[in-house]
Amino acid sequence: MSSTLQTVLLSSLAKVLPNEKPTSAFYENPMCCLNESFNFQVAYSSENPNWLHQYIHIEIDSKLKDYISISSVELVPSNFPCYAGADADYLMRTPGLLPDLLMPLKVPAVKVMPTQWRSLWFCLTPPADLTAGDYPVTISLKDGNGNIAAEHTFTLSVLNTYLPKQKTIHTEWFHTDGIAQFYNVPVFSERYWDLVANFMQTAAKHSVNMILTPLFTPPLDTEVGGERLTVQLVDIELDDLGHYHFNFDKLAKWIKLATEAGMEYFEISHLFTQWGANATPKIMVRVNGELQKRFGWHVAAKDESYKAFLDAFLPALKNFLDSQGLQGKCYFHISDEPSLDQIDNYKEAHDLVQGHLEGYPLMDALSNLEFYEKGIIDYPVCANDHITPFIEAKVPNLWAYYCCAQSVQVSNRFMALPSFRNRILGVQLYKYHIPGFLHWGYNFYNSHLSKRAINPFLVTDADMTFPSGDAFLVYPGEEGALESIRLKVLAEAFHDIRAFELLESLTSREEVLALIEENTDEPITFSVYPRTETYLLKLREKVNAKIAELV
């Protein structure tokens, strides 16, 4: 029976569909830096029905084996893999199952499902004292009798250098209501804080270095008149004389946990509602000992009571942030994704807060150059399918984002997209000097407009509203965040940027750009690039080889 097991050694960029033998490539010259994770896969299948109910046992023979984790790539349901106008890259257009969830193996064994292809995910996390050199790695798959059913060997070259510290700021919006709701724990309970810390650590481990910070419950993806679970970090009291008092203890704890996890930047949740700054966020205030919803959909953004609140709150907040040493590391939002016909509303909201936030930049996701031209945005965060006019205008501090709407040609990380569409982002951010990247869904476990909480293991598309994978990168496991293929590959995109920067420091930016454009049919843009994983694998190997020559 052992000889009937079929296996394929694969790179991290393969997605193994259950009904197709994978044809993707492995690395020609596997390499990584001393502080860089290295991911690869082994796909397996059998036509022999005798494998049903049988396990394959996985063994690693290598000096690196203690630092290599093994996960099973699990299939998850997708009712909504893509929009009707999807381009030709999508792996699936109709509902089905897609490989995404990485389930760590408690014991190194998995069942074989005859006639179906499945995959194992291996991740090397180098120890701090690892020495450079060539390390043979052998993966053996054995049947229940200990016979070798399949075996793969390769040599990983660990370069004698470190990737430089990440300069690119990367935020994946962090939704703590989803954590509280899925785990059924009270907000700010000890278990809640432990889970929040765990989800922070997983994000930071994967190149996320900025965290959305809910001073108030974020006014994001919320139905008009509806509300999300209160996760407000600032305790507020209004006294009999009409004076506000603020307690920042919970915020201080949040900052401590995030910093310990590896976060460097803090992104203050939006001070006005999404899509036009028409109303105020939900803000709970204690009045005469009773907690009241003082602000929310029922209070207009232009209401004098909110101006009075901001006039009291923002100076107190700024003093606190200054005391925490966060000047230059803390960014504020006005309103998410305003359209051009809402620019006047946005400007009024901007003008309400700008004077209180000297030294703290304002950033928002938007797609119209006019916001920058009017001087009402410090850091425009532009959709990657609308970014060209901003690049041509040489807008400083230009960030990029994508969400559900950026579904044709450009980079994205939907489950139904091949992984090269995820990882190409690193090449694009480097080429165009983009210093930051934002995405709205690290762990959004609600339906569209937050009408209900969902189980992301079963609902991957926010109730058939966003293509599967848009709303989250991690799953809520028993002990904390579970990783996905998409999270791992996105982290590799940011590793690529650091490798480009390392080579640039050893040669020149022009030389790195020449490698990036080498053998491409057209100059790379946000919508034009080689549509194959081979390009990315070979590019990184060329960059690594150049680095190896020079260190």
Protein backbone atom coordinates (compact mmCIF):
# COMPACT_ATOMS: atom_id res chain seq x y z
CA MET A 1 0.00 0.00 0.00
CA SER A 2 2.89 2.37 0.74
CA SER A 3 3.89 2.61 -2.89
CA THR A 4 0.44 3.83 -3.88
CA LEU A 5 0.82 7.15 -2.06
CA GLN A 6 1.41 10.06 -4.43
CA THR A 7 3.17 13.17 -3.12
CA VAL A 8 4.42 16.49 -4.50
CA LEU A 9 6.90 18.86 -2.85
CA LEU A 10 5.62 22.43 -3.20
CA SER A 11 6.46 26.02 -2.33
CA SER A 12 4.31 28.18 -0.09
CA LEU A 13 2.61 29.69 -3.15
CA ALA A 14 0.73 26.54 -4.15
CA LYS A 15 -2.93 26.06 -3.27
CA VAL A 16 -3.80 22.37 -3.34
CA LEU A 17 -7.36 21.79 -4.48
CA PRO A 18 -8.89 18.44 -3.51
CA ASN A 19 -9.79 17.40 -7.05
CA GLU A 20 -6.59 18.39 -8.88
CA LYS A 21 -3.06 17.05 -8.77
CA PRO A 22 -0.87 20.10 -8.08
CA THR A 23 1.50 21.12 -10.82
CA SER A 24 3.11 24.04 -9.01
CA ALA A 25 6.85 24.34 -8.58
CA PHE A 26 9.14 23.95 -5.60
CA TYR A 27 12.00 26.36 -4.97
CA GLU A 28 14.95 25.88 -7.33
CA ASN A 29 17.37 27.07 -4.65
CA PRO A 30 15.68 27.16 -1.24
CA MET A 31 17.15 30.02 0.79
CA CYS A 32 16.28 32.26 3.72
CA CYS A 33 17.97 34.76 6.01
CA LEU A 34 18.87 34.05 9.62
CA ASN A 35 15.77 35.82 10.95
CA GLU A 36 13.32 34.75 8.25
CA SER A 37 10.73 31.99 8.33
CA PHE A 38 10.70 29.50 5.47
CA ASN A 39 7.49 27.79 4.33
CA PHE A 40 6.94 24.78 2.10
CA GLN A 41 4.31 22.11 1.50
CA VAL A 42 3.95 18.42 0.74
CA ALA A 43 0.77 17.47 -1.11
CA TYR A 44 -0.44 13.88 -0.89
CA SER A 45 -3.10 11.61 -2.37
CA SER A 46 -3.77 8.02 -3.37
CA GLU A 47 -6.01 6.18 -5.81
CA ASN A 48 -5.87 3.12 -3.57
CA PRO A 49 -9.13 2.77 -1.57
CA ASN A 50 -7.25 0.78 1.09
CA TRP A 51 -5.85 4.07 2.38
CA LEU A 52 -9.31 4.99 3.70
CA HIS A 53 -9.16 5.43 7.50
CA GLN A 54 -5.37 5.05 7.38
CA TYR A 55 -2.86 7.57 8.66
CA ILE A 56 0.41 8.72 7.24
CA HIS A 57 3.03 9.54 9.85
CA ILE A 58 5.35 12.46 9.20
CA GLU A 59 9.02 12.47 10.16
CA ILE A 60 11.56 15.25 9.66
CA ASP A 61 15.25 14.41 9.47
CA SER A 62 17.29 17.59 9.75
CA LYS A 63 19.35 19.60 12.20
CA LEU A 64 16.51 22.11 11.84
CA LYS A 65 13.72 19.68 12.75
CA ASP A 66 13.08 21.14 16.21
CA TYR A 67 12.29 24.50 14.60
CA ILE A 68 9.91 23.24 11.91
CA SER A 69 6.20 23.20 12.70
CA ILE A 70 3.73 21.03 10.80
CA SER A 71 0.14 21.98 10.03
CA SER A 72 -2.59 20.35 8.03
CA VAL A 73 -4.02 22.58 5.31
CA GLU A 74 -7.76 22.38 5.93
CA LEU A 75 -10.49 22.99 3.41
CA VAL A 76 -13.05 25.65 4.32
CA PRO A 77 -16.41 26.43 2.72
CA SER A 78 -16.90 29.29 0.29
CA ASN A 79 -20.42 30.21 -0.73
CA PHE A 80 -19.13 33.36 -2.42
CA PRO A 81 -15.66 32.88 -3.92
CA CYS A 82 -15.74 35.84 -6.32
CA TYR A 83 -17.81 38.47 -8.09
CA ALA A 84 -19.43 37.83 -11.44
CA GLY A 85 -16.83 39.97 -13.20
CA ALA A 86 -13.85 38.06 -11.81
CA ASP A 87 -10.74 37.79 -13.97
CA ALA A 88 -9.17 34.58 -15.26
CA ASP A 89 -6.84 34.03 -12.29
CA TYR A 90 -9.50 32.79 -9.87
CA LEU A 91 -9.22 29.14 -8.88
CA MET A 92 -12.95 28.72 -8.39
CA ARG A 93 -16.06 30.66 -9.40
CA THR A 94 -18.83 28.54 -7.91
CA PRO A 95 -19.42 27.55 -4.27
CA GLY A 96 -17.11 24.88 -2.93
CA LEU A 97 -14.21 24.11 -0.62
CA LEU A 98 -10.88 25.94 -0.67
CA PRO A 99 -7.57 25.28 1.14
CA ASP A 100 -6.91 27.97 3.74
CA LEU A 101 -6.90 27.08 7.44
CA LEU A 102 -3.59 25.86 8.87
CA MET A 103 -4.37 23.44 11.69
CA PRO A 104 -1.29 22.65 13.80
CA LEU A 105 -0.78 18.92 14.23
CA LYS A 106 -0.70 17.81 17.86
CA VAL A 107 0.82 14.54 16.67
CA PRO A 108 2.65 14.30 13.32
CA ALA A 109 0.07 12.20 11.49
CA VAL A 110 -2.84 12.83 9.14
CA LYS A 111 -5.50 10.71 7.47
CA VAL A 112 -5.38 9.98 3.78
CA MET A 113 -8.59 10.53 1.82
CA PRO A 114 -8.37 8.36 -1.31
CA THR A 115 -8.84 10.18 -4.64
CA GLN A 116 -8.51 13.57 -2.93
CA TRP A 117 -5.44 15.78 -2.77
CA ARG A 118 -4.55 17.38 0.54
CA SER A 119 -1.50 19.23 1.79
CA LEU A 120 0.82 19.56 4.75
CA TRP A 121 2.33 22.94 5.60
CA PHE A 122 5.83 23.15 7.08
CA CYS A 123 7.18 26.36 8.61
CA LEU A 124 10.75 26.86 9.76
CA THR A 125 11.15 29.52 12.44
CA PRO A 126 14.91 29.95 12.88
CA PRO A 127 16.20 30.13 16.46
CA ALA A 128 18.17 33.19 17.50
CA ASP A 129 21.43 31.21 17.68
CA LEU A 130 21.14 29.51 14.28
CA THR A 131 24.35 29.60 12.26
CA ALA A 132 24.41 30.18 8.53
CA GLY A 133 25.01 27.24 6.24
CA ASP A 134 23.42 24.51 4.16
CA TYR A 135 20.92 22.29 5.96
CA PRO A 136 19.59 19.10 4.34
CA VAL A 137 15.92 18.51 5.15
CA THR A 138 14.21 15.16 4.57
CA ILE A 139 10.47 14.73 4.93
CA SER A 140 9.36 11.11 5.24
CA LEU A 141 5.76 9.96 5.09
CA LYS A 142 5.27 6.50 6.60
CA ASP A 143 2.34 4.12 6.73
CA GLY A 144 1.02 2.51 9.90
CA ASN A 145 3.64 -0.23 9.72
CA GLY A 146 6.51 2.23 9.61
CA ASN A 147 7.21 1.72 5.93
CA ILE A 148 8.24 4.77 3.95
CA ALA A 149 5.40 5.66 1.59
CA ALA A 150 7.06 8.78 0.21
CA GLU A 151 10.13 10.87 0.89
CA HIS A 152 11.43 14.26 -0.20
CA THR A 153 14.85 15.79 0.44
CA PHE A 154 16.12 19.28 -0.26
CA THR A 155 18.84 21.54 1.07
CA LEU A 156 17.97 24.87 2.64
CA SER A 157 20.68 27.51 2.48
CA VAL A 158 20.53 29.86 5.44
CA LEU A 159 22.31 33.06 4.43
CA ASN A 160 24.81 34.66 6.76
CA THR A 161 22.77 37.83 7.16
CA TYR A 162 19.61 39.19 8.69
CA LEU A 163 16.70 40.90 7.03
CA PRO A 164 16.67 44.55 8.14
CA LYS A 165 14.00 45.80 10.50
CA GLN A 166 10.66 46.26 8.78
CA LYS A 167 10.15 49.88 7.73
CA THR A 168 6.81 49.45 5.96
CA ILE A 169 3.90 50.09 8.30
CA HIS A 170 1.31 47.33 8.04
CA THR A 171 -2.10 47.32 9.70
CA GLU A 172 -4.78 44.65 9.53
CA TRP A 173 -7.83 45.96 11.35
CA PHE A 174 -8.19 44.25 14.69
CA HIS A 175 -11.80 43.58 15.79
CA THR A 176 -12.09 42.66 19.45
CA ASP A 177 -15.88 42.32 19.41
CA GLY A 178 -15.39 39.22 17.27
CA ILE A 179 -13.06 37.74 19.87
CA ALA A 180 -15.47 38.39 22.75
CA GLN A 181 -18.46 37.08 20.82
CA PHE A 182 -16.89 33.92 19.42
CA TYR A 183 -15.33 32.86 22.71
CA ASN A 184 -18.35 34.05 24.70
CA VAL A 185 -16.24 35.98 27.19
CA PRO A 186 -17.03 39.35 28.81
CA VAL A 187 -15.19 42.30 27.32
CA PHE A 188 -12.23 43.22 29.57
CA SER A 189 -12.38 39.95 31.50
CA GLU A 190 -9.05 38.23 32.14
CA ARG A 191 -9.79 35.66 29.42
CA TYR A 192 -10.64 38.46 26.99
CA TRP A 193 -7.31 40.19 27.58
CA ASP A 194 -5.43 36.88 27.20
CA LEU A 195 -7.12 36.22 23.87
CA VAL A 196 -6.52 39.77 22.66
CA ALA A 197 -2.83 39.38 23.50
CA ASN A 198 -2.69 36.08 21.62
CA PHE A 199 -4.30 37.54 18.49
CA MET A 200 -1.91 40.51 18.71
CA GLN A 201 1.10 38.19 18.92
CA THR A 202 0.00 36.21 15.87
CA ALA A 203 -0.42 39.41 13.88
CA ALA A 204 2.96 40.80 14.92
CA LYS A 205 4.65 37.48 14.09
CA HIS A 206 3.39 37.90 10.53
CA SER A 207 4.67 41.40 9.71
CA VAL A 208 1.75 43.39 11.14
CA ASN A 209 3.28 46.25 13.15
CA MET A 210 0.35 48.67 13.57
CA ILE A 211 -2.87 47.93 15.44
CA LEU A 212 -6.32 49.49 15.24
CA THR A 213 -7.03 50.74 18.75
CA PRO A 214 -10.68 51.07 19.83
CA LEU A 215 -10.75 54.17 22.01
CA PHE A 216 -14.47 53.92 21.25
CA THR A 217 -16.32 51.05 19.60
CA PRO A 218 -15.13 51.46 15.99
CA PRO A 219 -17.87 52.91 13.74
CA LEU A 220 -17.00 50.44 10.99
CA ASP A 221 -19.21 48.12 8.95
CA THR A 222 -22.20 48.93 11.13
CA GLU A 223 -25.78 49.27 9.93
CA VAL A 224 -27.20 52.79 10.29
CA GLY A 225 -29.04 52.74 13.59
CA GLY A 226 -27.36 49.51 14.63
CA GLU A 227 -24.37 48.95 16.86
CA ARG A 228 -21.53 46.57 17.56
CA LEU A 229 -20.58 45.12 20.92
CA THR A 230 -19.03 47.82 23.12
CA VAL A 231 -15.24 47.48 23.32
CA GLN A 232 -14.45 51.08 24.33
CA LEU A 233 -11.01 51.42 25.95
CA VAL A 234 -11.52 54.86 27.52
CA ASP A 235 -13.71 55.23 30.60
CA ILE A 236 -15.58 58.54 30.53
CA GLU A 237 -17.61 60.34 33.16
CA LEU A 238 -19.68 63.52 32.85
CA ASP A 239 -20.11 65.40 36.12
CA ASP A 240 -22.94 67.64 37.27
CA LEU A 241 -21.14 70.73 36.01
CA GLY A 242 -20.89 69.34 32.49
CA HIS A 243 -17.20 68.52 32.70
CA TYR A 244 -15.79 65.33 31.21
CA HIS A 245 -13.33 63.12 33.08
CA PHE A 246 -11.27 60.45 31.31
CA ASN A 247 -9.59 57.30 32.58
CA PHE A 248 -6.98 55.79 30.25
CA ASP A 249 -6.06 52.71 32.32
CA LYS A 250 -7.53 50.22 29.83
CA LEU A 251 -5.83 52.02 26.96
CA ALA A 252 -2.53 51.84 28.84
CA LYS A 253 -3.00 48.09 29.25
CA TRP A 254 -3.78 47.76 25.54
CA ILE A 255 -0.63 49.66 24.60
CA LYS A 256 1.45 47.49 26.94
CA LEU A 257 0.08 44.23 25.52
CA ALA A 258 0.49 45.41 21.95
CA THR A 259 4.04 46.61 22.53
CA GLU A 260 4.96 43.33 24.22
CA ALA A 261 3.49 41.48 21.23
CA GLY A 262 5.72 43.42 18.85
CA MET A 263 3.47 46.23 17.66
CA GLU A 264 5.19 49.56 17.04
CA TYR A 265 2.39 51.81 15.78
CA PHE A 266 -1.12 52.57 16.98
CA GLU A 267 -4.02 53.46 14.75
CA ILE A 268 -6.76 55.31 16.62
CA SER A 269 -10.25 54.20 15.65
CA HIS A 270 -12.36 56.60 13.61
CA LEU A 271 -13.76 59.72 15.25
CA PHE A 272 -16.75 59.85 12.88
CA THR A 273 -18.92 57.27 11.16
CA GLN A 274 -17.94 55.45 7.97
CA TRP A 275 -18.71 56.61 4.43
CA GLY A 276 -19.06 60.32 4.93
CA ALA A 277 -18.65 61.39 8.58
CA ASN A 278 -22.37 62.02 9.02
CA ALA A 279 -22.69 60.87 12.63
CA THR A 280 -20.70 60.17 15.77
CA PRO A 281 -19.30 56.83 16.94
CA LYS A 282 -20.96 54.98 19.80
CA ILE A 283 -19.46 56.47 22.96
CA MET A 284 -20.50 55.28 26.39
CA VAL A 285 -20.38 57.87 29.18
CA ARG A 286 -21.16 57.46 32.87
CA VAL A 287 -23.66 60.10 34.00
CA ASN A 288 -24.87 60.16 37.61
CA GLY A 289 -23.47 56.67 38.07
CA GLU A 290 -25.32 55.26 35.06
CA LEU A 291 -23.63 54.22 31.82
CA GLN A 292 -25.32 55.94 28.87
CA LYS A 293 -24.86 55.92 25.11
CA ARG A 294 -24.02 59.61 24.90
CA PHE A 295 -23.07 59.57 21.22
CA GLY A 296 -23.86 57.34 18.26
CA TRP A 297 -26.06 57.34 15.18
CA HIS A 298 -28.54 59.55 17.01
CA VAL A 299 -26.03 62.42 17.27
CA ALA A 300 -24.96 64.23 14.10
CA ALA A 301 -21.29 64.84 13.44
CA LYS A 302 -21.92 68.59 13.45
CA ASP A 303 -23.77 68.58 16.77
CA GLU A 304 -22.32 71.13 19.19
CA SER A 305 -22.32 68.54 21.98
CA TYR A 306 -19.82 66.42 20.05
CA LYS A 307 -17.60 69.41 19.36
CA ALA A 308 -17.61 70.14 23.09
CA PHE A 309 -16.75 66.52 23.80
CA LEU A 310 -13.85 66.50 21.34
CA ASP A 311 -12.56 69.80 22.71
CA ALA A 312 -12.30 68.13 26.11
CA PHE A 313 -11.27 64.65 25.03
CA LEU A 314 -8.60 65.19 22.40
CA PRO A 315 -6.28 67.39 24.51
CA ALA A 316 -6.52 64.88 27.37
CA LEU A 317 -5.85 62.00 24.99
CA LYS A 318 -2.91 63.79 23.40
CA ASN A 319 -1.36 64.41 26.82
CA PHE A 320 -1.74 60.72 27.63
CA LEU A 321 -0.26 59.58 24.31
CA ASP A 322 2.63 62.02 24.73
CA SER A 323 3.29 60.54 28.17
CA GLN A 324 3.44 57.09 26.58
CA GLY A 325 6.06 58.26 24.08
CA LEU A 326 3.76 57.66 21.12
CA GLN A 327 4.25 60.89 19.21
CA GLY A 328 5.17 59.83 15.67
CA LYS A 329 3.88 56.32 16.33
CA CYS A 330 0.18 57.05 16.59
CA TYR A 331 -2.14 57.84 13.67
CA PHE A 332 -5.73 59.10 13.72
CA HIS A 333 -8.73 58.48 11.48
CA ILE A 334 -11.60 60.83 10.60
CA SER A 335 -13.97 58.65 8.53
CA ASP A 336 -13.42 55.52 6.47
CA GLU A 337 -13.82 55.58 2.68
CA PRO A 338 -15.46 58.98 2.10
CA SER A 339 -16.56 59.61 -1.47
CA LEU A 340 -16.04 62.82 -3.41
CA ASP A 341 -19.58 64.04 -2.80
CA GLN A 342 -18.87 63.81 0.94
CA ILE A 343 -15.73 65.92 0.84
CA ASP A 344 -17.34 68.95 2.51
CA ASN A 345 -18.61 66.82 5.38
CA TYR A 346 -15.20 65.27 5.71
CA LYS A 347 -13.48 68.65 5.75
CA GLU A 348 -15.74 69.92 8.53
CA ALA A 349 -14.97 66.83 10.60
CA HIS A 350 -11.27 67.19 9.85
CA ASP A 351 -11.28 70.82 10.94
CA LEU A 352 -12.93 69.88 14.25
CA VAL A 353 -10.03 67.68 15.30
CA GLN A 354 -6.92 68.85 13.47
CA GLY A 355 -6.05 71.65 15.85
CA HIS A 356 -5.98 69.25 18.81
CA LEU A 357 -3.64 66.70 17.24
CA GLU A 358 -0.41 68.48 16.41
CA GLY A 359 2.29 65.89 15.85
CA TYR A 360 -0.21 63.11 15.18
CA PRO A 361 -0.92 62.48 11.49
CA LEU A 362 -4.39 61.95 10.05
CA MET A 363 -4.93 59.01 7.69
CA ASP A 364 -7.94 57.53 5.92
CA ALA A 365 -8.82 55.11 3.17
CA LEU A 366 -10.06 57.07 0.16
CA SER A 367 -9.74 57.06 -3.61
CA ASN A 368 -10.09 60.67 -4.76
CA LEU A 369 -7.05 62.89 -5.21
CA GLU A 370 -9.12 65.98 -4.33
CA PHE A 371 -8.91 65.15 -0.60
CA TYR A 372 -5.14 65.52 -0.76
CA GLU A 373 -5.32 68.61 -2.97
CA LYS A 374 -7.58 70.33 -0.42
CA GLY A 375 -5.03 69.62 2.31
CA ILE A 376 -7.41 67.64 4.51
CA ILE A 377 -5.48 64.37 4.64
CA ASP A 378 -1.90 63.83 5.81
CA TYR A 379 -1.61 60.19 4.84
CA PRO A 380 -3.99 59.20 2.04
CA VAL A 381 -4.58 55.45 1.96
CA CYS A 382 -5.58 54.73 -1.62
CA ALA A 383 -7.20 51.65 -3.10
CA ASN A 384 -4.70 49.79 -5.26
CA ASP A 385 -7.00 50.02 -8.29
CA HIS A 386 -7.23 53.85 -7.96
CA ILE A 387 -3.67 54.61 -6.89
CA THR A 388 -2.12 55.59 -10.24
CA PRO A 389 -3.24 59.27 -10.18
CA PHE A 390 -1.76 59.61 -6.67
CA ILE A 391 1.53 58.10 -7.85
CA GLU A 392 1.62 60.35 -10.91
CA ALA A 393 0.96 63.39 -8.69
CA LYS A 394 3.88 62.30 -6.46
CA VAL A 395 1.69 62.48 -3.36
CA PRO A 396 3.90 62.13 -0.26
CA ASN A 397 3.07 59.65 2.52
CA LEU A 398 0.91 57.65 0.13
CA TRP A 399 -0.31 54.33 1.52
CA ALA A 400 -2.20 51.55 -0.25
CA TYR A 401 -5.12 49.34 0.65
CA TYR A 402 -7.45 46.85 -0.91
CA CYS A 403 -10.76 45.34 0.17
CA CYS A 404 -13.60 43.48 -1.50
CA ALA A 405 -13.95 45.95 -4.39
CA GLN A 406 -10.37 45.46 -5.58
CA SER A 407 -11.12 42.13 -7.22
CA VAL A 408 -9.95 42.46 -10.83
CA GLN A 409 -6.28 42.31 -11.91
CA VAL A 410 -4.83 43.92 -8.75
CA SER A 411 -3.33 42.23 -5.72
CA ASN A 412 -5.70 40.74 -3.16
CA ARG A 413 -5.89 37.77 -0.81
CA PHE A 414 -9.31 36.23 -1.43
CA MET A 415 -9.31 32.48 -0.83
CA ALA A 416 -10.16 31.78 -4.47
CA LEU A 417 -7.18 33.76 -5.76
CA PRO A 418 -3.83 32.06 -6.35
CA SER A 419 -1.19 33.01 -3.82
CA PHE A 420 0.90 34.98 -6.31
CA ARG A 421 -1.90 37.59 -6.29
CA ASN A 422 -1.30 37.92 -2.55
CA ARG A 423 2.51 38.01 -2.53
CA ILE A 424 3.02 40.35 -5.52
CA LEU A 425 2.00 43.18 -3.17
CA GLY A 426 5.53 43.31 -1.74
CA VAL A 427 7.07 43.96 -5.16
CA GLN A 428 4.55 46.71 -5.86
CA LEU A 429 4.94 48.48 -2.51
CA TYR A 430 8.72 48.47 -2.89
CA LYS A 431 8.77 49.68 -6.48
CA TYR A 432 6.44 52.61 -5.83
CA HIS A 433 7.90 53.70 -2.47
CA ILE A 434 4.63 52.98 -0.63
CA PRO A 435 5.44 53.28 3.11
CA GLY A 436 2.28 51.68 4.50
CA PHE A 437 -0.44 49.14 3.78
CA LEU A 438 -3.90 48.88 5.35
CA HIS A 439 -6.58 46.22 5.25
CA TRP A 440 -9.87 46.20 7.09
CA GLY A 441 -10.12 42.51 8.03
CA TYR A 442 -7.70 40.73 10.35
CA ASN A 443 -10.49 39.06 12.31
CA PHE A 444 -13.90 40.43 11.36
CA TYR A 445 -16.28 37.72 12.56
CA ASN A 446 -19.56 39.52 11.86
CA SER A 447 -21.96 39.51 8.98
CA HIS A 448 -22.09 42.46 6.62
CA LEU A 449 -23.04 45.61 8.57
CA SER A 450 -22.55 43.61 11.79
CA LYS A 451 -26.13 42.43 11.91
CA ARG A 452 -25.04 39.20 13.59
CA ALA A 453 -21.95 37.38 14.78
CA ILE A 454 -20.79 34.54 12.54
CA ASN A 455 -18.65 31.43 12.89
CA PRO A 456 -15.73 31.98 10.48
CA PHE A 457 -15.09 28.24 10.20
CA LEU A 458 -18.50 27.97 8.51
CA VAL A 459 -19.10 31.45 7.06
CA THR A 460 -16.10 32.86 5.22
CA ASP A 461 -17.87 35.62 3.27
CA ALA A 462 -19.69 37.73 5.91
CA ASP A 463 -23.02 36.21 4.87
CA MET A 464 -22.33 36.11 1.13
CA THR A 465 -21.35 39.78 0.96
CA PHE A 466 -17.55 39.84 0.62
CA PRO A 467 -15.59 37.23 -1.37
CA SER A 468 -14.36 34.52 0.97
CA GLY A 469 -11.23 35.62 2.80
CA ASP A 470 -11.80 39.35 2.61
CA ALA A 471 -13.03 39.64 6.19
CA PHE A 472 -10.34 37.76 8.11
CA LEU A 473 -6.85 36.29 7.99
CA VAL A 474 -6.99 34.21 11.18
CA TYR A 475 -9.46 31.78 12.68
CA PRO A 476 -10.45 31.63 16.37
CA GLY A 477 -9.02 28.33 17.62
CA GLU A 478 -9.50 26.79 21.04
CA GLU A 479 -6.37 28.40 22.43
CA GLY A 480 -6.20 31.49 20.26
CA ALA A 481 -5.61 32.60 16.69
CA LEU A 482 -5.12 29.96 14.01
CA GLU A 483 -3.14 30.96 10.94
CA SER A 484 -4.10 30.71 7.29
CA ILE A 485 -2.23 30.22 4.03
CA ARG A 486 -3.13 33.81 3.20
CA LEU A 487 -1.58 35.17 6.40
CA LYS A 488 1.66 33.27 5.79
CA VAL A 489 1.95 34.39 2.17
CA LEU A 490 1.14 38.01 3.03
CA ALA A 491 3.95 37.95 5.59
CA GLU A 492 6.27 36.66 2.86
CA ALA A 493 5.39 39.73 0.77
CA PHE A 494 6.70 41.94 3.57
CA HIS A 495 9.80 39.72 3.94
CA ASP A 496 10.40 40.34 0.23
CA ILE A 497 10.36 44.10 0.80
CA ARG A 498 12.97 43.74 3.53
CA ALA A 499 15.11 41.55 1.25
CA PHE A 500 14.88 44.18 -1.50
CA GLU A 501 15.91 46.85 1.02
CA LEU A 502 18.83 44.71 2.18
CA LEU A 503 20.09 44.25 -1.36
CA GLU A 504 19.56 47.95 -2.05
CA SER A 505 21.81 48.77 0.92
CA LEU A 506 24.50 46.50 -0.57
CA THR A 507 24.13 47.69 -4.17
CA SER A 508 21.61 50.30 -5.30
CA ARG A 509 17.89 50.75 -5.71
CA GLU A 510 18.39 50.75 -9.47
CA GLU A 511 19.96 47.30 -9.34
CA VAL A 512 17.06 45.91 -7.31
CA LEU A 513 14.51 47.43 -9.67
CA ALA A 514 16.40 45.94 -12.61
CA LEU A 515 16.09 42.49 -11.04
CA ILE A 516 12.39 43.07 -10.41
CA GLU A 517 11.75 44.05 -14.04
CA GLU A 518 14.10 41.45 -15.54
CA ASN A 519 12.39 39.21 -18.12
CA THR A 520 8.99 40.86 -17.63
CA ASP A 521 6.94 41.75 -20.69
CA GLU A 522 5.90 45.15 -19.32
CA PRO A 523 6.90 47.40 -16.41
CA ILE A 524 5.26 46.24 -13.19
CA THR A 525 2.32 48.30 -11.94
CA PHE A 526 -0.45 47.57 -9.47
CA SER A 527 -2.46 45.85 -12.20
CA VAL A 528 0.23 44.61 -14.59
CA TYR A 529 2.71 41.98 -13.42
CA PRO A 530 3.73 38.40 -14.25
CA ARG A 531 0.73 36.23 -13.40
CA THR A 532 2.65 33.24 -12.15
CA GLU A 533 4.16 32.06 -8.89
CA THR A 534 7.38 31.16 -10.73
CA TYR A 535 8.21 34.84 -11.24
CA LEU A 536 8.07 35.53 -7.50
CA LEU A 537 10.03 32.43 -6.52
CA LYS A 538 12.78 33.14 -9.05
CA LEU A 539 12.89 36.84 -8.19
CA ARG A 540 13.45 36.14 -4.52
CA GLU A 541 16.06 33.51 -5.34
CA LYS A 542 17.92 36.01 -7.56
CA VAL A 543 17.79 38.61 -4.78
CA ASN A 544 18.99 36.06 -2.22
CA ALA A 545 21.83 34.94 -4.49
CA LYS A 546 23.01 38.54 -4.93
CA ILE A 547 22.86 39.08 -1.18
CA ALA A 548 24.84 35.87 -0.59
CA GLU A 549 27.59 37.13 -2.90
CA LEU A 550 27.93 40.38 -0.97
CA VAL A 551 27.74 39.39 2.70
